[in-house]
Amino acid sequence: MSWTGIGPVVVTTPGTKVPLSATDIRCEGILIQALANAAHTNTGRVYLFDRNGVRIATLPIPTTNAIPAAGVTLPASPGGMNARDYTIDADVGTDGVDASYLRP
């Protein structure tokens, strides 16, 4: 198994959920990290939602010492998740996450 990057996923308009992937990505784990790099560091909170629209994680603003992250796994069912089913929203436009997935 190996982690594969989806890349940055950015919310353009707060209040409008953005899928982690525009295409189906079957996987058994998803990792998201608040953006904190030379190109952009989040200035507000970012929220992760499951396929039912239920908020399952809130990532606070990154600090010098911490980059918030959240993970979702389903190890008993290889390929049982779809990255497309998960969405993010943010308090501030241009904020987002770096996303990756684990495929069996």
C-alpha atoms as a PDB file:
ATOM      1  CA  MET A   1       0.000   0.000   0.000  1.00  0.00           C
ATOM      2  CA  SER A   2       1.120   3.529  -0.615  1.00  0.00           C
ATOM      3  CA  TRP A   3      -0.164   7.050  -0.192  1.00  0.00           C
ATOM      4  CA  THR A   4      -0.968   8.969  -3.361  1.00  0.00           C
ATOM      5  CA  GLY A   5      -1.449  12.722  -3.429  1.00  0.00           C
ATOM      6  CA  ILE A   6      -4.655  14.232  -4.750  1.00  0.00           C
ATOM      7  CA  GLY A   7      -3.082  17.649  -4.370  1.00  0.00           C
ATOM      8  CA  PRO A   8      -4.401  20.901  -3.006  1.00  0.00           C
ATOM      9  CA  VAL A   9      -8.178  21.205  -2.838  1.00  0.00           C
ATOM     10  CA  VAL A  10      -9.285  24.824  -2.444  1.00  0.00           C
ATOM     11  CA  VAL A  11     -12.625  26.384  -1.549  1.00  0.00           C
ATOM     12  CA  THR A  12     -13.313  29.347  -3.824  1.00  0.00           C
ATOM     13  CA  THR A  13     -16.648  30.386  -2.293  1.00  0.00           C
ATOM     14  CA  PRO A  14     -17.228  29.759   1.429  1.00  0.00           C
ATOM     15  CA  GLY A  15     -20.506  27.904   1.954  1.00  0.00           C
ATOM     16  CA  THR A  16     -20.045  25.874  -1.230  1.00  0.00           C
ATOM     17  CA  LYS A  17     -18.716  22.358  -0.564  1.00  0.00           C
ATOM     18  CA  VAL A  18     -15.907  21.131  -2.806  1.00  0.00           C
ATOM     19  CA  PRO A  19     -15.278  17.380  -3.368  1.00  0.00           C
ATOM     20  CA  LEU A  20     -11.806  16.044  -2.604  1.00  0.00           C
ATOM     21  CA  SER A  21     -11.810  14.562  -6.106  1.00  0.00           C
ATOM     22  CA  ALA A  22     -13.810  15.265  -9.261  1.00  0.00           C
ATOM     23  CA  THR A  23     -13.494  11.598 -10.253  1.00  0.00           C
ATOM     24  CA  ASP A  24     -13.990   8.299  -8.436  1.00  0.00           C
ATOM     25  CA  ILE A  25     -10.960   7.271  -6.381  1.00  0.00           C
ATOM     26  CA  ARG A  26     -11.556   3.955  -4.625  1.00  0.00           C
ATOM     27  CA  CYS A  27      -9.409   3.748  -1.507  1.00  0.00           C
ATOM     28  CA  GLU A  28      -9.285   2.621   2.093  1.00  0.00           C
ATOM     29  CA  GLY A  29      -7.881   5.756   3.691  1.00  0.00           C
ATOM     30  CA  ILE A  30      -7.961   9.520   3.201  1.00  0.00           C
ATOM     31  CA  LEU A  31      -5.688  12.110   4.817  1.00  0.00           C
ATOM     32  CA  ILE A  32      -6.255  15.849   4.677  1.00  0.00           C
ATOM     33  CA  GLN A  33      -3.972  18.560   6.037  1.00  0.00           C
ATOM     34  CA  ALA A  34      -4.687  22.258   6.348  1.00  0.00           C
ATOM     35  CA  LEU A  35      -2.825  24.295   3.726  1.00  0.00           C
ATOM     36  CA  ALA A  36       0.375  25.662   5.206  1.00  0.00           C
ATOM     37  CA  ASN A  37       3.041  26.153   2.568  1.00  0.00           C
ATOM     38  CA  ALA A  38       4.931  28.865   0.727  1.00  0.00           C
ATOM     39  CA  ALA A  39       2.062  29.382  -1.726  1.00  0.00           C
ATOM     40  CA  HIS A  40      -0.731  29.738   0.855  1.00  0.00           C
ATOM     41  CA  THR A  41      -1.446  29.235   4.550  1.00  0.00           C
ATOM     42  CA  ASN A  42      -5.076  29.005   5.687  1.00  0.00           C
ATOM     43  CA  THR A  43      -6.406  31.983   7.617  1.00  0.00           C
ATOM     44  CA  GLY A  44      -9.671  30.346   8.710  1.00  0.00           C
ATOM     45  CA  ARG A  45     -11.113  26.955   9.611  1.00  0.00           C
ATOM     46  CA  VAL A  46     -11.702  24.176   7.071  1.00  0.00           C
ATOM     47  CA  TYR A  47     -14.411  21.527   7.501  1.00  0.00           C
ATOM     48  CA  LEU A  48     -14.534  17.931   6.222  1.00  0.00           C
ATOM     49  CA  PHE A  49     -17.903  16.336   5.387  1.00  0.00           C
ATOM     50  CA  ASP A  50     -18.854  12.727   4.658  1.00  0.00           C
ATOM     51  CA  ARG A  51     -21.046  11.598   1.748  1.00  0.00           C
ATOM     52  CA  ASN A  52     -24.184  12.382   3.771  1.00  0.00           C
ATOM     53  CA  GLY A  53     -23.103  15.984   4.319  1.00  0.00           C
ATOM     54  CA  VAL A  54     -22.308  15.389   7.993  1.00  0.00           C
ATOM     55  CA  ARG A  55     -19.336  17.361   9.277  1.00  0.00           C
ATOM     56  CA  ILE A  56     -16.769  14.859  10.538  1.00  0.00           C
ATOM     57  CA  ALA A  57     -13.752  17.106  11.183  1.00  0.00           C
ATOM     58  CA  THR A  58     -12.801  20.734  11.682  1.00  0.00           C
ATOM     59  CA  LEU A  59      -9.243  21.847  10.935  1.00  0.00           C
ATOM     60  CA  PRO A  60      -8.196  24.997  12.800  1.00  0.00           C
ATOM     61  CA  ILE A  61      -5.809  27.624  11.446  1.00  0.00           C
ATOM     62  CA  PRO A  62      -2.242  26.284  11.124  1.00  0.00           C
ATOM     63  CA  THR A  63       0.374  27.695  13.476  1.00  0.00           C
ATOM     64  CA  THR A  64       4.153  27.791  13.398  1.00  0.00           C
ATOM     65  CA  ASN A  65       4.260  24.568  15.425  1.00  0.00           C
ATOM     66  CA  ALA A  66       1.230  22.628  14.116  1.00  0.00           C
ATOM     67  CA  ILE A  67      -0.422  21.801  10.807  1.00  0.00           C
ATOM     68  CA  PRO A  68      -3.893  20.396  11.574  1.00  0.00           C
ATOM     69  CA  ALA A  69      -4.828  17.118   9.866  1.00  0.00           C
ATOM     70  CA  ALA A  70      -7.682  14.605   9.784  1.00  0.00           C
ATOM     71  CA  GLY A  71      -7.845  11.046   8.547  1.00  0.00           C
ATOM     72  CA  VAL A  72     -10.604   8.650   7.565  1.00  0.00           C
ATOM     73  CA  THR A  73      -9.887   4.939   7.159  1.00  0.00           C
ATOM     74  CA  LEU A  74     -11.775   1.755   6.409  1.00  0.00           C
ATOM     75  CA  PRO A  75      -9.030  -0.908   6.560  1.00  0.00           C
ATOM     76  CA  ALA A  76     -11.435  -3.882   6.773  1.00  0.00           C
ATOM     77  CA  SER A  77     -12.819  -3.062   3.319  1.00  0.00           C
ATOM     78  CA  PRO A  78     -10.059  -2.397   0.753  1.00  0.00           C
ATOM     79  CA  GLY A  79     -11.357   0.049  -1.832  1.00  0.00           C
ATOM     80  CA  GLY A  80     -14.507   0.546   0.238  1.00  0.00           C
ATOM     81  CA  MET A  81     -14.204   4.333   0.284  1.00  0.00           C
ATOM     82  CA  ASN A  82     -14.427   6.871  -2.508  1.00  0.00           C
ATOM     83  CA  ALA A  83     -12.535  10.164  -2.160  1.00  0.00           C
ATOM     84  CA  ARG A  84     -15.204  11.779  -4.332  1.00  0.00           C
ATOM     85  CA  ASP A  85     -17.745  11.205  -1.522  1.00  0.00           C
ATOM     86  CA  TYR A  86     -15.895  13.553   0.845  1.00  0.00           C
ATOM     87  CA  THR A  87     -16.151  17.328   0.609  1.00  0.00           C
ATOM     88  CA  ILE A  88     -14.612  20.344   2.283  1.00  0.00           C
ATOM     89  CA  ASP A  89     -15.819  23.845   3.042  1.00  0.00           C
ATOM     90  CA  ALA A  90     -13.927  26.785   4.521  1.00  0.00           C
ATOM     91  CA  ASP A  91     -14.570  30.009   6.392  1.00  0.00           C
ATOM     92  CA  VAL A  92     -12.313  31.916   3.982  1.00  0.00           C
ATOM     93  CA  GLY A  93     -12.143  31.705   0.181  1.00  0.00           C
ATOM     94  CA  THR A  94      -8.759  30.395  -1.088  1.00  0.00           C
ATOM     95  CA  ASP A  95      -8.323  28.227   2.052  1.00  0.00           C
ATOM     96  CA  GLY A  96      -8.273  24.473   1.630  1.00  0.00           C
ATOM     97  CA  VAL A  97      -6.396  21.230   2.218  1.00  0.00           C
ATOM     98  CA  ASP A  98      -3.675  19.018   0.847  1.00  0.00           C
ATOM     99  CA  ALA A  99      -5.362  15.643   0.291  1.00  0.00           C
ATOM    100  CA  SER A 100      -4.030  12.139  -0.253  1.00  0.00           C
ATOM    101  CA  TYR A 101      -5.437   8.620  -0.277  1.00  0.00           C
ATOM    102  CA  LEU A 102      -4.316   5.105   0.590  1.00  0.00           C
ATOM    103  CA  ARG A 103      -5.065   2.422  -1.957  1.00  0.00           C
ATOM    104  CA  PRO A 104      -4.674  -1.306  -1.266  1.00  0.00           C
END
